[in-house]
Amino acid sequence: MLRSLSFIFCLAISQLAFGQKKQHVRFPPPVFDFPFTPACELPDHKNELVYTRFIYTSKGDLQPEEKTCNNIVANLYLPPNVFLDPKYSKYFKTIRLKKRRDNLIIDAIGVFGDDQWGVEHGIGDLGNNKYRFILKTVVNIDPADSGK
């Protein structure tokens, strides 16, 4: 009897220990000499070179990580002269192929702005974005679930 209770107890503990769901931890942006600008403050820094963090959605839009400024939606523009690590290219390809809604966390240096054409007609696949982020350097790209 004692042996079977011990076995059931060990089985229950192992289920709790190994049955936990893995959660992705979002780390703060890397720190280096270039000052970090939160994405919510980007309209105040139009046409300036900035280091920021965006969430790239499965719809192809860039949105701030902070939920308090959800009116900033931008189109990501990757100039032909900017090198993108093949690992990061793979992330962009797979995010569009997945059925569920995944996101990418992008830490990058670039220029945020809106141009006359974008303000009047919209930028992006559906023409809804009035902002554009021109990528200069990718600091890091990290896959993350949209539900977090």
C-alpha atoms as a PDB file:
ATOM      1  CA  MET A   1       0.000   0.000   0.000  1.00  0.00           C
ATOM      2  CA  LEU A   2       2.759   2.433   0.967  1.00  0.00           C
ATOM      3  CA  ARG A   3       4.666   1.523  -2.169  1.00  0.00           C
ATOM      4  CA  SER A   4       1.693   2.248  -4.450  1.00  0.00           C
ATOM      5  CA  LEU A   5       1.030   5.587  -2.705  1.00  0.00           C
ATOM      6  CA  SER A   6       4.686   6.528  -3.181  1.00  0.00           C
ATOM      7  CA  PHE A   7       4.441   5.625  -6.857  1.00  0.00           C
ATOM      8  CA  ILE A   8       1.273   7.723  -7.337  1.00  0.00           C
ATOM      9  CA  PHE A   9       2.871  10.665  -5.505  1.00  0.00           C
ATOM     10  CA  CYS A  10       6.003  10.507  -7.695  1.00  0.00           C
ATOM     11  CA  LEU A  11       3.860  10.234 -10.817  1.00  0.00           C
ATOM     12  CA  ALA A  12       1.810  13.287  -9.825  1.00  0.00           C
ATOM     13  CA  ILE A  13       4.931  15.355  -9.074  1.00  0.00           C
ATOM     14  CA  SER A  14       6.540  14.391 -12.396  1.00  0.00           C
ATOM     15  CA  GLN A  15       3.384  15.424 -14.296  1.00  0.00           C
ATOM     16  CA  LEU A  16       3.463  18.827 -12.623  1.00  0.00           C
ATOM     17  CA  ALA A  17       7.157  19.304 -13.274  1.00  0.00           C
ATOM     18  CA  PHE A  18       7.264  18.152 -16.900  1.00  0.00           C
ATOM     19  CA  GLY A  19       3.759  19.099 -17.972  1.00  0.00           C
ATOM     20  CA  GLN A  20       4.227  22.853 -17.649  1.00  0.00           C
ATOM     21  CA  LYS A  21       3.785  25.058 -20.687  1.00  0.00           C
ATOM     22  CA  LYS A  22       6.880  26.831 -21.982  1.00  0.00           C
ATOM     23  CA  GLN A  23       6.545  30.600 -22.012  1.00  0.00           C
ATOM     24  CA  HIS A  24       8.598  32.942 -24.112  1.00  0.00           C
ATOM     25  CA  VAL A  25      10.283  35.647 -22.053  1.00  0.00           C
ATOM     26  CA  ARG A  26      10.640  39.058 -23.664  1.00  0.00           C
ATOM     27  CA  PHE A  27      13.928  40.585 -22.711  1.00  0.00           C
ATOM     28  CA  PRO A  28      14.537  44.324 -22.758  1.00  0.00           C
ATOM     29  CA  PRO A  29      16.192  45.637 -25.914  1.00  0.00           C
ATOM     30  CA  PRO A  30      19.969  45.234 -26.090  1.00  0.00           C
ATOM     31  CA  VAL A  31      21.887  48.184 -24.680  1.00  0.00           C
ATOM     32  CA  PHE A  32      24.603  49.944 -26.625  1.00  0.00           C
ATOM     33  CA  ASP A  33      25.761  53.510 -27.317  1.00  0.00           C
ATOM     34  CA  PHE A  34      22.861  54.420 -29.602  1.00  0.00           C
ATOM     35  CA  PRO A  35      19.934  55.732 -27.471  1.00  0.00           C
ATOM     36  CA  PHE A  36      16.753  53.647 -27.392  1.00  0.00           C
ATOM     37  CA  THR A  37      13.491  55.317 -28.446  1.00  0.00           C
ATOM     38  CA  PRO A  38      10.238  53.606 -27.388  1.00  0.00           C
ATOM     39  CA  ALA A  39       7.941  52.977 -30.360  1.00  0.00           C
ATOM     40  CA  CYS A  40       5.202  55.132 -28.811  1.00  0.00           C
ATOM     41  CA  GLU A  41       7.498  58.166 -29.051  1.00  0.00           C
ATOM     42  CA  LEU A  42       8.396  57.687 -32.723  1.00  0.00           C
ATOM     43  CA  PRO A  43       5.949  60.298 -34.110  1.00  0.00           C
ATOM     44  CA  ASP A  44       8.025  62.875 -32.188  1.00  0.00           C
ATOM     45  CA  HIS A  45      11.180  61.653 -33.974  1.00  0.00           C
ATOM     46  CA  LYS A  46      10.021  61.543 -37.600  1.00  0.00           C
ATOM     47  CA  ASN A  47      12.739  61.336 -40.235  1.00  0.00           C
ATOM     48  CA  GLU A  48      15.430  60.793 -37.582  1.00  0.00           C
ATOM     49  CA  LEU A  49      17.626  57.745 -37.197  1.00  0.00           C
ATOM     50  CA  VAL A  50      16.219  55.835 -34.192  1.00  0.00           C
ATOM     51  CA  TYR A  51      16.796  52.584 -32.340  1.00  0.00           C
ATOM     52  CA  THR A  52      13.477  51.021 -31.363  1.00  0.00           C
ATOM     53  CA  ARG A  53      11.477  47.838 -30.832  1.00  0.00           C
ATOM     54  CA  PHE A  54       8.401  46.907 -32.857  1.00  0.00           C
ATOM     55  CA  ILE A  55       6.103  43.925 -33.084  1.00  0.00           C
ATOM     56  CA  TYR A  56       5.844  42.632 -36.660  1.00  0.00           C
ATOM     57  CA  THR A  57       2.413  41.029 -37.006  1.00  0.00           C
ATOM     58  CA  SER A  58       1.362  38.190 -39.280  1.00  0.00           C
ATOM     59  CA  LYS A  59      -0.569  40.811 -41.302  1.00  0.00           C
ATOM     60  CA  GLY A  60       2.750  42.450 -42.204  1.00  0.00           C
ATOM     61  CA  ASP A  61       2.389  45.529 -40.011  1.00  0.00           C
ATOM     62  CA  LEU A  62       4.731  47.027 -37.424  1.00  0.00           C
ATOM     63  CA  GLN A  63       3.082  47.959 -34.130  1.00  0.00           C
ATOM     64  CA  PRO A  64       4.489  49.184 -30.820  1.00  0.00           C
ATOM     65  CA  GLU A  65       4.990  46.595 -28.109  1.00  0.00           C
ATOM     66  CA  GLU A  66       3.111  48.841 -25.683  1.00  0.00           C
ATOM     67  CA  LYS A  67      -0.673  48.514 -25.843  1.00  0.00           C
ATOM     68  CA  THR A  68      -1.195  52.158 -24.821  1.00  0.00           C
ATOM     69  CA  CYS A  69      -0.333  53.573 -28.247  1.00  0.00           C
ATOM     70  CA  ASN A  70      -2.020  51.198 -30.674  1.00  0.00           C
ATOM     71  CA  ASN A  71      -2.706  53.973 -33.209  1.00  0.00           C
ATOM     72  CA  ILE A  72       0.859  53.718 -34.553  1.00  0.00           C
ATOM     73  CA  VAL A  73       0.903  51.138 -37.332  1.00  0.00           C
ATOM     74  CA  ALA A  74       3.762  51.228 -39.811  1.00  0.00           C
ATOM     75  CA  ASN A  75       4.951  49.446 -42.909  1.00  0.00           C
ATOM     76  CA  LEU A  76       8.400  47.835 -42.784  1.00  0.00           C
ATOM     77  CA  TYR A  77      10.589  48.855 -45.703  1.00  0.00           C
ATOM     78  CA  LEU A  78      13.768  46.866 -46.291  1.00  0.00           C
ATOM     79  CA  PRO A  79      16.057  48.671 -48.779  1.00  0.00           C
ATOM     80  CA  PRO A  80      17.985  46.402 -51.168  1.00  0.00           C
ATOM     81  CA  ASN A  81      21.350  47.445 -49.668  1.00  0.00           C
ATOM     82  CA  VAL A  82      20.461  46.251 -46.124  1.00  0.00           C
ATOM     83  CA  PHE A  83      21.789  42.785 -45.268  1.00  0.00           C
ATOM     84  CA  LEU A  84      19.334  40.525 -43.460  1.00  0.00           C
ATOM     85  CA  ASP A  85      20.714  37.431 -41.741  1.00  0.00           C
ATOM     86  CA  PRO A  86      19.287  34.248 -43.371  1.00  0.00           C
ATOM     87  CA  LYS A  87      17.921  33.211 -39.961  1.00  0.00           C
ATOM     88  CA  TYR A  88      15.856  36.406 -39.843  1.00  0.00           C
ATOM     89  CA  SER A  89      14.702  35.958 -43.450  1.00  0.00           C
ATOM     90  CA  LYS A  90      13.403  32.533 -42.452  1.00  0.00           C
ATOM     91  CA  TYR A  91      11.315  34.101 -39.665  1.00  0.00           C
ATOM     92  CA  PHE A  92       9.603  36.436 -42.138  1.00  0.00           C
ATOM     93  CA  LYS A  93       8.841  33.575 -44.525  1.00  0.00           C
ATOM     94  CA  THR A  94       7.406  31.271 -41.869  1.00  0.00           C
ATOM     95  CA  ILE A  95       5.256  33.922 -40.171  1.00  0.00           C
ATOM     96  CA  ARG A  96       3.248  34.389 -43.368  1.00  0.00           C
ATOM     97  CA  LEU A  97       2.810  30.621 -43.890  1.00  0.00           C
ATOM     98  CA  LYS A  98       1.476  29.783 -40.427  1.00  0.00           C
ATOM     99  CA  LYS A  99      -2.259  29.534 -39.865  1.00  0.00           C
ATOM    100  CA  ARG A 100      -2.163  30.916 -36.332  1.00  0.00           C
ATOM    101  CA  ARG A 101      -1.276  34.504 -35.548  1.00  0.00           C
ATOM    102  CA  ASP A 102       2.367  34.749 -34.574  1.00  0.00           C
ATOM    103  CA  ASN A 103       4.452  37.869 -34.190  1.00  0.00           C
ATOM    104  CA  LEU A 104       8.106  38.831 -34.413  1.00  0.00           C
ATOM    105  CA  ILE A 105       9.804  41.186 -31.991  1.00  0.00           C
ATOM    106  CA  ILE A 106      12.119  43.400 -34.033  1.00  0.00           C
ATOM    107  CA  ASP A 107      14.861  45.487 -32.439  1.00  0.00           C
ATOM    108  CA  ALA A 108      16.161  47.711 -35.201  1.00  0.00           C
ATOM    109  CA  ILE A 109      17.757  50.973 -36.192  1.00  0.00           C
ATOM    110  CA  GLY A 110      16.010  52.898 -38.906  1.00  0.00           C
ATOM    111  CA  VAL A 111      14.098  55.973 -39.944  1.00  0.00           C
ATOM    112  CA  PHE A 112      10.446  56.384 -38.957  1.00  0.00           C
ATOM    113  CA  GLY A 113       8.277  58.734 -40.914  1.00  0.00           C
ATOM    114  CA  ASP A 114       5.353  59.440 -43.134  1.00  0.00           C
ATOM    115  CA  ASP A 115       5.625  60.886 -46.582  1.00  0.00           C
ATOM    116  CA  GLN A 116       3.071  62.816 -48.620  1.00  0.00           C
ATOM    117  CA  TRP A 117       2.070  59.735 -50.591  1.00  0.00           C
ATOM    118  CA  GLY A 118       1.665  57.686 -47.399  1.00  0.00           C
ATOM    119  CA  VAL A 119      -0.478  60.267 -45.623  1.00  0.00           C
ATOM    120  CA  GLU A 120      -2.840  60.707 -48.566  1.00  0.00           C
ATOM    121  CA  HIS A 121      -3.121  57.135 -49.799  1.00  0.00           C
ATOM    122  CA  GLY A 122      -1.776  54.829 -47.109  1.00  0.00           C
ATOM    123  CA  ILE A 123       1.194  52.497 -47.091  1.00  0.00           C
ATOM    124  CA  GLY A 124       1.302  48.726 -46.795  1.00  0.00           C
ATOM    125  CA  ASP A 125      -0.549  45.781 -48.278  1.00  0.00           C
ATOM    126  CA  LEU A 126      -4.015  47.170 -47.562  1.00  0.00           C
ATOM    127  CA  GLY A 127      -3.094  50.859 -47.719  1.00  0.00           C
ATOM    128  CA  ASN A 128      -4.083  51.436 -44.083  1.00  0.00           C
ATOM    129  CA  ASN A 129      -0.706  52.421 -42.650  1.00  0.00           C
ATOM    130  CA  LYS A 130       0.210  56.084 -42.672  1.00  0.00           C
ATOM    131  CA  TYR A 131       3.733  55.487 -41.327  1.00  0.00           C
ATOM    132  CA  ARG A 132       6.796  53.756 -42.715  1.00  0.00           C
ATOM    133  CA  PHE A 133       9.887  52.403 -40.957  1.00  0.00           C
ATOM    134  CA  ILE A 134      12.912  52.254 -43.251  1.00  0.00           C
ATOM    135  CA  LEU A 135      15.220  49.604 -41.845  1.00  0.00           C
ATOM    136  CA  LYS A 136      18.927  50.441 -41.667  1.00  0.00           C
ATOM    137  CA  THR A 137      20.257  47.783 -39.249  1.00  0.00           C
ATOM    138  CA  VAL A 138      18.657  44.776 -37.574  1.00  0.00           C
ATOM    139  CA  VAL A 139      19.788  44.442 -33.966  1.00  0.00           C
ATOM    140  CA  ASN A 140      17.703  41.345 -33.223  1.00  0.00           C
ATOM    141  CA  ILE A 141      14.561  39.549 -34.367  1.00  0.00           C
ATOM    142  CA  ASP A 142      12.845  37.148 -32.026  1.00  0.00           C
ATOM    143  CA  PRO A 143       9.701  35.067 -32.660  1.00  0.00           C
ATOM    144  CA  ALA A 144       6.928  35.453 -30.090  1.00  0.00           C
ATOM    145  CA  ASP A 145       3.296  34.411 -29.759  1.00  0.00           C
ATOM    146  CA  SER A 146       0.679  37.090 -30.274  1.00  0.00           C
ATOM    147  CA  GLY A 147      -1.204  36.068 -27.148  1.00  0.00           C
ATOM    148  CA  LYS A 148       1.513  37.315 -24.820  1.00  0.00           C
END
